[in-house]
Protein backbone atom coordinates (compact mmCIF):
# COMPACT_ATOMS: atom_id res chain seq x y z
CA MET A 1 -22.49 -12.70 14.33
CA ASN A 2 -22.45 -9.43 15.65
CA ILE A 3 -21.09 -6.09 13.67
CA LEU A 4 -17.52 -6.17 14.81
CA SER A 5 -17.33 -10.04 13.64
CA ARG A 6 -18.68 -8.98 9.91
CA ILE A 7 -16.24 -6.24 10.08
CA GLY A 8 -13.86 -8.99 10.66
CA VAL A 9 -14.79 -11.01 7.79
CA VAL A 10 -14.35 -8.32 5.28
CA ALA A 11 -10.90 -7.31 6.86
CA ALA A 12 -9.93 -11.22 6.13
CA ALA A 13 -11.41 -11.02 2.68
CA LEU A 14 -9.27 -7.63 1.86
CA LEU A 15 -5.87 -9.12 3.44
CA MET A 16 -6.38 -12.09 1.15
CA LEU A 17 -6.92 -9.85 -1.97
CA ALA A 18 -3.91 -7.50 -0.96
CA GLY A 19 -1.19 -10.55 -0.72
CA CYS A 20 -2.18 -10.09 -4.87
CA ALA A 21 0.56 -7.46 -4.55
CA THR A 22 3.94 -8.42 -5.80
CA GLN A 23 6.14 -10.06 -3.53
CA PRO A 24 9.66 -9.48 -3.90
CA ALA A 25 11.36 -12.97 -4.34
CA ILE A 26 15.10 -14.34 -3.63
CA PRO A 27 15.60 -17.21 -5.83
CA PHE A 28 17.35 -20.35 -4.40
CA ASP A 29 21.01 -20.83 -5.44
CA SER A 30 22.48 -23.99 -4.61
CA SER A 31 25.71 -23.02 -5.73
CA SER A 32 25.55 -20.76 -2.62
CA ALA A 33 23.62 -22.23 -0.31
CA GLY A 34 26.15 -25.02 0.52
CA GLN A 35 25.20 -28.73 1.08
CA ILE A 36 21.08 -28.65 1.29
CA LYS A 37 20.46 -32.21 1.58
CA THR A 38 18.14 -32.68 4.76
CA ILE A 39 14.70 -29.63 5.01
CA GLY A 40 13.24 -29.56 8.33
CA ILE A 41 9.25 -28.19 7.30
CA LEU A 42 8.07 -25.89 10.09
CA THR A 43 4.86 -26.10 11.66
CA PRO A 44 2.91 -24.14 8.26
CA ASP A 45 1.03 -21.35 9.29
CA ILE A 46 -3.14 -21.79 7.92
CA PRO A 47 -6.14 -20.17 7.96
CA THR A 48 -8.89 -21.84 10.39
CA GLY A 49 -11.18 -22.27 7.32
CA PRO A 50 -11.81 -21.59 3.67
CA SER A 51 -12.55 -18.67 2.08
CA ALA A 52 -15.16 -18.10 -0.36
CA ILE A 53 -14.64 -14.51 -1.82
CA LEU A 54 -16.69 -12.58 -4.15
CA ALA A 55 -14.30 -9.95 -5.06
CA SER A 56 -16.86 -7.50 -6.71
CA SER A 57 -20.31 -6.94 -5.83
CA VAL A 58 -23.40 -4.85 -5.79
CA GLY A 59 -23.06 -4.33 -1.90
CA GLN A 60 -19.40 -2.64 -2.32
CA SER A 61 -21.43 0.30 -3.30
CA PHE A 62 -23.38 1.03 -0.38
CA GLY A 63 -20.66 1.79 2.02
CA LEU A 64 -20.51 -0.03 5.35
CA ILE A 65 -24.23 -1.35 5.54
CA GLY A 66 -23.11 -2.82 1.95
CA ALA A 67 -20.21 -4.33 3.11
CA LEU A 68 -21.44 -6.03 6.16
CA VAL A 69 -24.12 -7.12 4.33
CA ASP A 70 -21.57 -9.00 1.96
CA ALA A 71 -19.77 -9.58 5.29
CA GLY A 72 -23.15 -11.52 6.56
CA MET A 73 -23.02 -13.52 2.96
CA GLN A 74 -19.44 -14.36 2.56
CA SER A 75 -19.57 -16.06 6.05
CA SER A 76 -22.81 -18.03 5.03
CA ARG A 77 -20.72 -19.11 2.01
CA GLU A 78 -17.20 -20.06 4.03
CA SER A 79 -19.60 -22.25 6.68
CA ASP A 80 -21.40 -23.87 3.61
CA LEU A 81 -17.96 -24.57 1.98
CA LYS A 82 -15.99 -25.64 5.20
CA SER A 83 -18.66 -28.46 6.55
CA MET A 84 -18.26 -29.58 2.50
CA LEU A 85 -14.69 -30.14 3.04
CA ASN A 86 -15.58 -31.70 6.19
CA SER A 87 -17.67 -34.35 4.75
CA ARG A 88 -15.04 -35.40 1.91
CA GLN A 89 -12.08 -35.40 4.61
CA PHE A 90 -10.29 -32.30 3.60
CA VAL A 91 -8.02 -31.46 5.85
CA ALA A 92 -5.74 -28.45 4.47
CA HIS A 93 -2.86 -28.71 7.21
CA ASP A 94 -2.69 -32.54 5.95
CA LYS A 95 -2.91 -31.82 2.03
CA LEU A 96 -0.32 -29.47 2.29
CA MET A 97 2.24 -31.35 4.37
CA ALA A 98 1.49 -34.77 2.56
CA GLY A 99 1.72 -32.74 -1.01
CA VAL A 100 5.12 -30.39 0.21
CA THR A 101 6.73 -33.66 1.41
CA ALA A 102 6.48 -35.69 -1.59
CA SER A 103 7.48 -33.09 -3.85
CA LEU A 104 10.85 -32.36 -2.08
CA GLU A 105 11.45 -36.20 -1.77
CA ALA A 106 11.01 -36.49 -5.54
CA GLN A 107 13.32 -33.62 -5.66
CA GLY A 108 15.84 -35.43 -3.45
CA TYR A 109 15.76 -34.22 -0.57
CA GLU A 110 15.65 -35.93 2.74
CA VAL A 111 12.40 -34.25 4.58
CA ARG A 112 11.76 -34.09 8.76
CA ARG A 113 8.68 -32.27 10.82
CA VAL A 114 9.81 -29.75 12.70
CA SER A 115 6.97 -28.83 15.54
CA VAL A 116 7.05 -25.01 15.97
CA ALA A 117 5.06 -22.51 17.97
CA ARG A 118 3.44 -19.36 15.95
CA SER A 119 2.58 -16.12 17.60
CA GLU A 120 1.54 -14.20 14.55
CA ARG A 121 -1.00 -15.58 12.07
CA GLY A 122 0.28 -14.49 8.19
CA GLU A 123 3.80 -14.03 8.88
CA PHE A 124 6.73 -15.86 9.03
CA LEU A 125 8.83 -16.71 11.74
CA LYS A 126 10.63 -14.12 13.44
CA THR A 127 13.23 -16.58 14.45
CA TYR A 128 14.17 -20.33 13.86
CA PRO A 129 15.02 -22.83 15.90
CA LEU A 130 18.31 -22.94 17.17
CA SER A 131 19.49 -26.20 18.63
CA ASN A 132 18.65 -27.95 15.15
CA THR A 133 18.27 -31.24 17.30
CA GLU A 134 16.78 -32.84 14.17
CA LYS A 135 19.87 -32.44 12.30
CA VAL A 136 18.51 -30.64 9.17
CA ASP A 137 20.59 -28.08 6.81
CA ALA A 138 17.52 -25.64 6.61
CA TYR A 139 14.60 -25.08 7.41
CA LEU A 140 10.77 -24.47 5.18
CA ASP A 141 8.54 -21.39 6.29
CA ILE A 142 5.38 -22.09 5.11
CA VAL A 143 2.43 -19.04 5.34
CA MET A 144 -0.66 -20.09 3.41
CA ARG A 145 -2.21 -16.83 3.22
CA GLY A 146 -5.74 -18.11 2.21
CA TYR A 147 -7.67 -21.29 0.15
CA GLY A 148 -11.21 -21.45 -1.14
CA TYR A 149 -12.81 -20.27 -4.14
CA ILE A 150 -12.75 -16.73 -5.76
CA ALA A 151 -14.92 -15.08 -8.08
CA ALA A 152 -13.82 -11.62 -9.89
CA GLY A 153 -17.32 -10.53 -9.72
CA ILE A 154 -21.76 -11.40 -10.02
CA THR A 155 -21.51 -11.95 -13.98
CA ASP A 156 -21.42 -15.74 -16.03
CA GLY A 157 -17.96 -14.59 -17.34
CA THR A 158 -16.76 -14.13 -13.26
CA PRO A 159 -17.33 -17.96 -12.08
CA TYR A 160 -16.14 -18.93 -8.52
CA ARG A 161 -12.80 -20.57 -8.84
CA PRO A 162 -10.20 -22.62 -6.49
CA ILE A 163 -7.85 -20.10 -5.24
CA VAL A 164 -4.73 -20.89 -2.83
CA GLU A 165 -1.91 -18.14 -1.97
CA THR A 166 1.42 -19.67 -0.35
CA ARG A 167 4.40 -17.74 0.88
CA VAL A 168 7.43 -19.90 1.35
CA ARG A 169 10.84 -19.15 2.56
CA LEU A 170 14.18 -21.19 3.49
CA VAL A 171 16.57 -20.57 5.81
CA SER A 172 19.98 -21.85 6.55
CA ALA A 173 19.55 -24.03 10.41
CA LYS A 174 23.25 -22.59 10.21
CA ASP A 175 22.30 -19.42 11.09
CA SER A 176 19.17 -18.15 9.77
CA SER A 177 20.45 -16.70 6.57
CA VAL A 178 17.46 -16.79 3.91
CA LEU A 179 18.40 -19.10 0.71
CA MET A 180 14.69 -18.81 -0.94
CA GLU A 181 11.55 -16.82 -0.45
CA ASP A 182 8.84 -16.41 -3.24
CA VAL A 183 4.96 -16.18 -3.44
CA ILE A 184 3.10 -18.94 -5.23
CA PHE A 185 0.09 -17.82 -6.34
CA TYR A 186 -3.03 -20.64 -7.62
CA ASN A 187 -5.58 -18.25 -9.35
CA ARG A 188 -3.95 -14.80 -8.87
CA LEU A 189 -7.03 -12.35 -9.18
CA ASN A 190 -5.40 -9.49 -11.03
CA ALA A 191 -3.86 -10.40 -14.81
CA THR A 192 -0.75 -7.67 -14.18
CA TYR A 193 1.87 -9.49 -11.95
CA GLU A 194 5.87 -9.67 -11.87
CA THR A 195 7.78 -12.40 -13.05
CA THR A 196 9.78 -12.61 -9.52
CA ASN A 197 6.21 -14.67 -8.28
CA VAL A 198 4.93 -17.59 -9.03
CA THR A 199 1.41 -17.84 -11.18
CA ILE A 200 -0.36 -20.90 -11.45
CA SER A 201 -3.22 -20.63 -13.97
CA PRO A 202 -6.78 -22.49 -12.52
CA ASP A 203 -7.57 -25.55 -14.00
CA PRO A 204 -10.67 -24.24 -16.04
CA ALA A 205 -12.49 -27.63 -15.47
CA TYR A 206 -13.07 -26.81 -11.94
CA SER A 207 -15.35 -23.25 -12.69
CA PHE A 208 -18.69 -22.64 -11.52
CA SER A 209 -21.04 -19.76 -12.34
CA ASP A 210 -22.00 -19.28 -9.04
CA PHE A 211 -21.83 -20.42 -5.33
CA SER A 212 -24.59 -22.41 -5.69
CA SER A 213 -23.54 -24.05 -8.85
CA LEU A 214 -20.67 -25.02 -6.40
CA GLU A 215 -22.31 -26.34 -3.71
CA ARG A 216 -24.63 -29.00 -6.01
CA ASP A 217 -21.42 -30.63 -7.39
CA PRO A 218 -19.33 -30.76 -3.99
CA ASP A 219 -17.31 -33.79 -5.23
CA LYS A 220 -15.96 -31.63 -8.14
CA ALA A 221 -15.79 -28.32 -5.37
CA VAL A 222 -13.14 -30.50 -3.71
CA GLU A 223 -11.68 -31.98 -6.37
CA GLY A 224 -10.77 -28.65 -7.90
CA LEU A 225 -9.30 -27.87 -4.15
CA ASP A 226 -7.20 -31.07 -4.28
CA ILE A 227 -5.61 -30.00 -7.62
CA ALA A 228 -5.04 -26.25 -6.64
CA PHE A 229 -2.93 -27.66 -3.30
CA ALA A 230 -1.13 -30.55 -5.50
CA LYS A 231 -0.04 -27.88 -7.84
CA SER A 232 1.16 -25.23 -5.48
CA THR A 233 3.40 -28.12 -3.39
CA GLU A 234 4.86 -29.21 -6.65
CA ALA A 235 6.11 -25.71 -7.21
CA ILE A 236 7.27 -25.06 -3.64
CA ALA A 237 9.92 -27.86 -4.46
CA THR A 238 10.40 -26.90 -8.29
CA LEU A 239 11.90 -23.19 -6.38
CA LEU A 240 14.21 -25.79 -4.79
CA ARG A 241 15.60 -27.27 -7.49
């Protein structure tokens, strides 16, 4: 990996951590939203691979050189994590779509999948389908900012735990007005947050003292992410009660 690519890895990690800043929420108001019975889930925006982030390391004290070293190590961890997930047939897109569909149907909604093209990664769509050939009442726009494992530091008290950050927006199919918008954090890194965002505490059973420990128990590591996705998708449906 060349220097520019490694800097890109650092930037991607910082982007995911920057997502911890509070986003203003728009709560769903069923009384003013009208009859929302059928929801079209738009093709979600999902990262091409998992993250394996060490939020604070010795390398960060050594400027650009330290950052490049950290980036190389992070890239290696993420490659290993991706191979681990692939070997267990873990596909983030499928996990997300299956979880959201099941959770919304459990709430009594009819769900349809709506294919859309995305030109901007990590952002909601700028415009929404106008033809509504799918005959839906609203569109659910899902942007997964990141998923994988994260450790706050290199000490025993800062283990690797699953992390998922998901931005969600529900818009009216009639006029694209925003009916709900929020951010769901599974294992939010910083402890200070406002109640306008959904924060889910990670299951303590899925903690690894270091990345080597995670690699030695791939089944448990994948199971931890399974739970993180399941809790995140359940939270999406809960926002639409």
